[in-house]
Protein backbone atom coordinates (compact mmCIF):
# COMPACT_ATOMS: atom_id res chain seq x y z
CA MET A 1 4.64 -3.79 16.26
CA ASN A 2 5.56 -5.49 20.03
CA GLY A 3 2.48 -6.42 20.55
CA ALA A 4 0.33 -3.33 19.71
CA CYS A 5 -1.99 -3.33 16.66
CA ASP A 6 -1.52 -2.11 13.20
CA VAL A 7 -4.02 -1.21 10.34
CA CYS A 8 -2.39 0.22 7.30
CA PHE A 9 -5.09 0.34 4.41
CA GLN A 10 -3.93 0.37 0.45
CA VAL A 11 -4.63 2.96 -1.74
CA HIS A 12 -4.86 1.68 -4.96
CA LYS A 13 -1.64 1.79 -7.41
CA CYS A 14 0.14 3.24 -4.61
CA GLY A 15 2.99 0.47 -3.49
CA SER A 16 0.57 -1.73 -1.65
CA THR A 17 1.75 -4.62 -2.58
CA THR A 18 4.95 -4.40 -1.53
CA VAL A 19 3.49 -3.00 1.86
CA TYR A 20 0.97 -6.10 2.09
CA ASN A 21 3.68 -8.38 1.38
CA ILE A 22 5.87 -7.31 4.29
CA LEU A 23 2.52 -6.92 6.75
CA ALA A 24 1.89 -10.94 5.86
CA ARG A 25 5.04 -12.23 6.59
CA TYR A 26 5.10 -10.35 9.57
CA ALA A 27 1.77 -11.24 10.32
CA LEU A 28 2.77 -15.38 9.44
CA HIS A 29 5.92 -14.87 11.15
CA HIS A 30 4.27 -14.15 14.78
CA ASN A 31 1.29 -15.64 14.24
CA LEU A 32 -0.99 -12.70 14.59
CA ASN A 33 -4.55 -12.72 13.89
CA VAL A 34 -5.44 -10.54 11.01
CA ALA A 35 -8.40 -9.04 9.87
CA LEU A 36 -9.37 -10.83 6.72
CA PRO A 37 -12.34 -10.06 4.19
CA ARG A 38 -15.37 -12.43 4.21
CA ARG A 39 -15.38 -15.01 1.24
CA LYS A 40 -18.41 -13.93 -0.90
CA TYR A 41 -18.14 -17.88 -2.77
CA LYS A 42 -15.91 -20.84 -1.90
CA ASP A 43 -14.43 -19.96 -4.95
CA THR A 44 -13.03 -16.52 -4.43
CA GLU A 45 -10.81 -17.57 -1.08
CA GLY A 46 -8.34 -15.32 -2.19
CA TRP A 47 -10.30 -12.27 -2.17
CA HIS A 48 -8.53 -9.47 -1.04
CA THR A 49 -10.64 -6.49 -0.94
CA PHE A 50 -12.85 -5.57 1.80
CA GLY A 51 -14.74 -2.67 -0.72
CA SER A 52 -16.20 -0.22 1.88
CA PHE A 53 -15.34 -1.07 5.19
CA THR A 54 -18.10 -2.76 7.66
CA GLU A 55 -17.35 -4.51 10.98
CA ASP A 56 -19.90 -7.59 8.79
CA ARG A 57 -17.57 -7.80 6.12
CA VAL A 58 -14.52 -9.09 8.52
CA MET A 59 -14.21 -12.72 8.80
CA PRO A 60 -14.44 -13.88 12.90
CA LEU A 61 -12.71 -14.99 14.80
CA ALA A 62 -12.86 -17.47 17.50
CA PRO A 63 -14.17 -16.70 20.73
CA GLY A 64 -11.90 -14.83 23.37
CA GLN A 65 -9.87 -13.37 20.20
CA GLU A 66 -8.47 -9.99 19.19
CA PHE A 67 -7.38 -8.84 15.55
CA HIS A 68 -3.54 -7.88 15.44
CA LEU A 69 -3.10 -6.30 12.09
CA LEU A 70 -5.18 -5.72 9.10
CA PHE A 71 -3.75 -4.39 5.59
CA ASN A 72 -6.33 -4.92 2.96
CA HIS A 73 -7.71 -2.82 0.27
CA MET A 74 -10.61 -0.97 1.46
CA THR A 75 -12.41 2.53 1.97
CA TYR A 76 -11.31 3.90 5.23
CA ASN A 77 -14.28 4.11 7.52
CA ARG A 78 -12.59 4.74 11.13
CA THR A 79 -16.00 4.42 12.67
CA ALA A 80 -16.18 0.77 12.01
CA LEU A 81 -12.56 0.31 11.81
CA ASP A 82 -12.55 1.17 15.99
CA LYS A 83 -15.47 -1.52 16.43
CA VAL A 84 -12.78 -4.12 14.87
CA MET A 85 -9.54 -3.46 15.88
CA PRO A 86 -8.54 -2.63 19.86
CA PRO A 87 -7.75 0.77 21.42
CA GLY A 88 -4.30 1.81 20.83
CA THR A 89 -4.33 0.18 17.14
CA PHE A 90 -1.29 2.15 15.16
CA TYR A 91 -2.89 3.59 11.55
CA CYS A 92 -0.79 4.12 8.43
CA ALA A 93 -1.13 4.59 4.88
CA ILE A 94 0.76 4.81 1.88
CA VAL A 95 0.45 7.93 -1.28
CA ARG A 96 1.59 8.29 -4.16
CA GLU A 97 2.41 11.41 -6.39
CA PRO A 98 -1.22 12.10 -8.41
CA VAL A 99 0.00 11.84 -11.99
CA LYS A 100 2.00 8.69 -11.87
CA ARG A 101 -0.75 7.48 -9.88
CA PHE A 102 -2.82 7.97 -12.50
CA ILE A 103 -0.94 7.12 -15.22
CA SER A 104 -0.09 3.60 -13.63
CA SER A 105 -4.08 3.21 -13.32
CA VAL A 106 -4.31 4.15 -17.32
CA TYR A 107 -2.44 1.10 -18.10
CA TYR A 108 -3.38 -1.44 -15.09
CA TYR A 109 -6.58 -1.23 -15.60
CA ASN A 110 -6.68 -1.07 -19.00
CA PHE A 111 -8.05 1.94 -20.06
CA LEU A 112 -4.71 2.64 -22.33
CA GLU A 113 -2.94 0.32 -24.18
CA PRO A 114 0.94 1.14 -23.41
CA PRO A 115 2.86 2.52 -25.98
CA ARG A 116 5.37 0.20 -28.14
CA PRO A 117 8.89 1.30 -27.26
CA ASP A 118 9.76 1.19 -31.18
CA VAL A 119 6.75 3.71 -31.69
CA SER A 120 7.22 7.82 -31.04
CA VAL A 121 5.37 8.28 -28.15
CA SER A 122 2.70 10.92 -28.31
CA ASP A 123 1.07 13.14 -26.19
CA PHE A 124 -2.04 13.51 -27.90
CA VAL A 125 -3.41 10.20 -26.86
CA MET A 126 -3.49 11.31 -22.87
CA ARG A 127 -4.91 14.30 -24.32
CA GLY A 128 -7.82 12.51 -25.93
CA PHE A 129 -7.92 10.00 -22.51
CA LEU A 130 -8.16 13.85 -20.67
CA SER A 131 -10.79 15.60 -22.73
CA GLU A 132 -14.22 16.75 -21.03
CA LYS A 133 -16.09 14.36 -22.26
CA ASN A 134 -14.08 11.28 -21.34
CA ARG A 135 -13.76 12.67 -17.95
CA ALA A 136 -17.95 12.92 -17.39
CA VAL A 137 -17.89 9.47 -18.58
CA LEU A 138 -14.89 8.28 -15.88
CA GLU A 139 -16.60 10.10 -13.35
CA SER A 140 -19.85 8.32 -13.74
CA LYS A 141 -18.55 5.13 -13.90
CA GLU A 142 -19.33 2.41 -10.89
CA HIS A 143 -15.56 2.63 -9.78
CA PRO A 144 -14.63 5.95 -10.77
CA PHE A 145 -11.45 5.53 -7.99
CA TRP A 146 -9.94 3.64 -10.84
CA VAL A 147 -8.74 7.00 -12.02
CA TYR A 148 -10.55 9.35 -10.83
CA ASN A 149 -9.45 11.03 -6.81
CA THR A 150 -8.64 7.34 -5.99
CA ILE A 151 -6.65 8.77 -2.47
CA ALA A 152 -9.51 10.94 -1.56
CA LEU A 153 -12.08 8.44 -2.34
CA ASP A 154 -9.53 5.08 -0.51
CA THR A 155 -9.42 7.59 2.45
CA GLY A 156 -13.33 7.46 3.29
CA MET A 157 -13.95 10.95 1.25
CA ALA A 158 -17.59 10.96 0.05
CA LEU A 159 -17.59 11.72 -3.94
CA SER A 160 -19.91 14.09 -3.67
CA LYS A 161 -16.88 16.42 -1.54
CA VAL A 162 -14.10 15.82 -3.67
CA LYS A 163 -14.73 19.05 -5.80
CA ASP A 164 -15.75 20.76 -2.46
CA GLU A 165 -12.30 22.77 -2.08
CA GLN A 166 -13.38 23.58 1.69
CA ALA A 167 -14.67 19.53 2.05
CA VAL A 168 -10.77 18.50 0.62
CA GLU A 169 -9.18 20.52 3.43
CA GLU A 170 -11.25 19.79 6.42
CA HIS A 171 -10.84 15.70 5.36
CA ILE A 172 -7.04 16.03 5.28
CA ALA A 173 -7.38 17.74 8.69
CA LYS A 174 -9.35 14.47 9.81
CA LEU A 175 -6.90 11.77 8.58
CA ASP A 176 -3.79 14.41 10.18
CA ARG A 177 -5.36 13.37 13.55
CA GLU A 178 -6.18 9.82 12.85
CA MET A 179 -3.14 8.54 11.12
CA ASP A 180 -0.12 7.76 13.08
CA LEU A 181 1.97 7.49 9.58
CA VAL A 182 1.29 8.39 6.17
CA MET A 183 4.04 6.50 3.86
CA VAL A 184 4.60 8.29 0.62
CA VAL A 185 6.04 6.01 -2.35
CA GLU A 186 8.29 8.88 -3.96
CA HIS A 187 10.56 7.94 -0.67
CA PHE A 188 9.60 4.29 -0.30
CA TYR A 189 12.81 3.39 1.42
CA GLU A 190 12.25 6.06 3.98
CA SER A 191 8.66 5.29 4.46
CA ILE A 192 9.69 1.88 5.36
CA VAL A 193 12.44 2.55 7.70
CA LEU A 194 10.19 5.09 9.19
CA LEU A 195 7.59 2.36 9.93
CA LYS A 196 10.03 0.30 11.57
CA ARG A 197 11.04 2.62 14.01
CA ARG A 198 6.87 3.89 14.41
CA ALA A 199 6.07 0.60 14.92
CA LYS A 200 8.84 -0.99 17.19
CA LEU A 201 9.91 -3.54 14.05
CA HIS A 202 12.95 -5.44 13.74
CA LEU A 203 14.99 -5.11 10.31
CA ARG A 204 13.75 -8.99 9.34
CA ASP A 205 10.31 -8.00 9.36
CA VAL A 206 10.84 -4.81 6.93
CA ILE A 207 12.85 -6.34 4.04
CA PHE A 208 11.57 -7.46 0.79
CA ILE A 209 12.33 -8.01 -2.89
CA VAL A 210 11.19 -6.22 -5.89
CA GLU A 211 10.99 -9.13 -8.14
CA ASN A 212 7.58 -8.40 -8.87
CA VAL A 213 7.54 -4.84 -9.68
CA ARG A 214 5.95 -4.10 -13.02
CA LYS A 215 8.18 -2.60 -15.58
CA GLN A 216 6.95 -0.12 -18.07
CA THR A 217 9.59 0.99 -20.50
CA ALA A 218 7.30 3.23 -22.63
CA THR A 219 4.28 5.50 -21.19
CA HIS A 220 2.25 8.41 -22.97
CA ARG A 221 3.83 11.45 -22.37
CA LEU A 222 1.38 14.10 -20.11
CA ALA A 223 2.25 18.02 -21.18
CA ASP A 224 1.98 20.68 -19.14
CA SER A 225 -1.53 21.58 -20.20
CA ASP A 226 -2.53 18.04 -19.36
CA VAL A 227 -1.36 18.25 -16.51
CA THR A 228 -2.87 21.45 -15.95
CA VAL A 229 -6.43 19.32 -16.41
CA LEU A 230 -5.53 16.78 -14.29
CA LYS A 231 -4.28 18.63 -11.00
CA ALA A 232 -8.01 20.63 -11.68
CA TRP A 233 -9.86 17.32 -12.18
CA GLN A 234 -7.96 15.84 -9.61
CA MET A 235 -7.96 18.36 -6.76
CA ALA A 236 -8.64 16.22 -3.82
CA ASP A 237 -6.07 14.12 -4.40
CA PHE A 238 -3.69 16.52 -5.37
CA LYS A 239 -4.33 18.70 -2.15
CA ILE A 240 -4.15 15.34 0.03
CA TYR A 241 -0.64 14.61 -1.35
CA ASP A 242 1.10 17.49 -1.41
CA HIS A 243 0.15 17.85 2.50
CA PHE A 244 1.09 14.26 3.59
CA HIS A 245 4.15 14.76 1.05
CA ARG A 246 5.24 17.94 2.99
CA LYS A 247 4.54 16.38 6.31
CA PHE A 248 6.76 13.24 5.51
CA ARG A 249 9.37 15.43 4.48
CA GLU A 250 9.18 17.16 7.81
CA GLU A 251 8.71 14.15 10.10
CA VAL A 252 12.18 12.53 8.33
CA LYS A 253 14.14 16.06 8.94
CA LYS A 254 13.01 15.39 12.69
CA GLU A 255 14.46 12.13 12.98
CA GLY A 256 17.95 13.83 12.52
CA ALA A 257 21.14 12.35 10.85
CA SER A 258 21.27 8.84 12.24
CA PHE A 259 17.78 8.21 10.16
CA THR A 260 19.97 8.60 6.60
CA GLU A 261 22.29 6.30 7.94
CA GLU A 262 19.93 3.85 8.70
CA VAL A 263 18.08 4.07 5.47
CA GLU A 264 21.33 3.45 3.49
CA HIS A 265 21.90 0.55 5.79
CA PHE A 266 18.70 -0.93 5.18
CA LYS A 267 19.35 -0.64 1.18
CA THR A 268 22.38 -2.37 1.49
CA VAL A 269 20.82 -5.31 3.47
CA GLN A 270 17.50 -5.23 1.05
CA LYS A 271 20.47 -5.65 -1.76
CA LYS A 272 21.89 -8.90 -0.57
CA VAL A 273 18.53 -10.38 -0.04
CA GLU A 274 17.15 -9.82 -2.91
CA LYS A 275 20.67 -11.42 -4.40
CA PHE A 276 20.50 -14.35 -1.98
CA CYS A 277 16.77 -14.78 -3.03
CA LEU A 278 16.77 -14.31 -6.47
CA GLY A 279 20.12 -16.57 -7.08
CA GLY A 280 18.03 -19.00 -9.16
CA LYS A 281 15.36 -21.65 -8.53
CA ASN A 282 17.62 -23.82 -6.76
CA ALA A 283 18.96 -21.25 -4.47
CA THR A 284 19.10 -23.17 -0.77
CA GLY A 285 20.81 -22.15 2.20
CA VAL A 286 20.57 -18.97 4.60
CA LEU A 287 21.47 -15.94 4.79
CA GLN A 288 23.10 -14.30 7.27
CA VAL A 289 22.73 -10.84 8.16
CA PRO A 290 25.19 -9.39 10.56
CA SER A 291 24.53 -7.16 13.64
CA SER A 292 24.62 -3.28 13.41
CA LYS A 293 24.25 -0.12 15.39
CA TRP A 294 20.00 -0.58 14.44
CA THR A 295 19.58 -3.81 15.00
CA GLU A 296 21.13 -7.25 16.27
CA GLY A 297 21.76 -9.83 13.33
CA PHE A 298 19.44 -11.84 11.79
CA SER A 299 19.15 -14.87 9.50
CA VAL A 300 17.23 -15.46 6.17
CA PRO A 301 16.41 -18.80 5.46
CA SER A 302 15.25 -20.03 1.62
CA CYS A 303 11.68 -20.68 2.84
CA ASP A 304 11.75 -16.59 3.60
CA CYS A 305 12.45 -15.71 0.37
CA MET A 306 9.75 -18.28 -0.89
CA LEU A 307 7.31 -16.20 1.27
CA MET A 308 8.73 -12.75 -0.39
CA LYS A 309 8.10 -13.74 -3.87
CA LEU A 310 4.69 -14.93 -3.16
CA CYS A 311 1.97 -12.39 -4.44
CA GLU A 312 -0.39 -10.86 -2.92
CA THR A 313 -3.35 -13.22 -4.01
CA ASP A 314 -1.56 -16.35 -3.03
CA LEU A 315 -0.43 -14.80 0.36
CA GLN A 316 -4.19 -13.82 0.84
CA ARG A 317 -5.32 -17.24 0.02
CA ILE A 318 -2.66 -18.60 2.83
CA LEU A 319 -4.00 -15.90 5.97
CA VAL A 320 -7.49 -16.92 4.67
CA ARG A 321 -6.91 -20.89 5.01
CA ARG A 322 -5.13 -20.39 8.42
CA ALA A 323 -7.75 -17.97 9.32
CA THR A 324 -10.35 -20.28 8.58
CA ILE A 325 -8.72 -23.75 10.30
CA ARG A 326 -8.17 -21.43 13.69
CA ARG A 327 -11.98 -20.68 13.43
CA GLY A 328 -12.95 -24.22 13.22
CA TYR A 329 -15.15 -23.83 9.53
CA SER A 330 -15.15 -23.88 6.06
């Protein structure tokens, strides 16, 4: 980011936890101001979502300062964001293949219990969940984004418009104009390297470990007929994902052969860092990463490992406490 500012808004269940960790560590290492949600109550200092983003939901800064980063969950509102973030801000988002995102949300939000590994996995459970009656109930919920057109709603599309094909196309065109980068979960390493290049980051800024990834050994199957139903029901999400997935592949292709080489180098470094950081509770010392054609060498002390292993809520508490001290209020 090199002095510039960055907004990377998180779409629910789209690999956002890892991206949050990367950007939170970047803010801490470089002593940057993060736009954070106001605390609603004293016992919710880890509150980590803006909901529908508006200017009055941001914790204020000390006079004369400006925000450098914003990366909490929110419903995208460019007009409001432009009032908070300075001109020239770099905007990015991340999307995930809608079938995978849907299944992940169904389990994460406890709509369905994942099947036990020792039980035969049936496609009838998911078929029942996708029944016309159940879909209508889910659409009427206060927070339908949990499973219904999440990408469209989190990127600022009105719920009343998600079934309107022309409105969806207009929404895609608007996002295409406003986003500097849309990353793709299914190409996560490529996405992080492209973020590194576009936002002018150092390799040490984007390394991560995947210790906290939720391991799901078994899922209920979606039959072909279920996928057909889901595509019709989640039309907006599929269209948005297909557009930006295609655009992402085109942008990677433009980067040339060196990009693929850098991605492989990044994977190698990431595995070394992960092995070092997960080497045990008493692991100490410093990992030295040698220089390469893509970056100068750098070190990873054990304290950095601790930050990489922190969950989103713990990092949020650190950022909120730091912002509170800077602002001079409790």
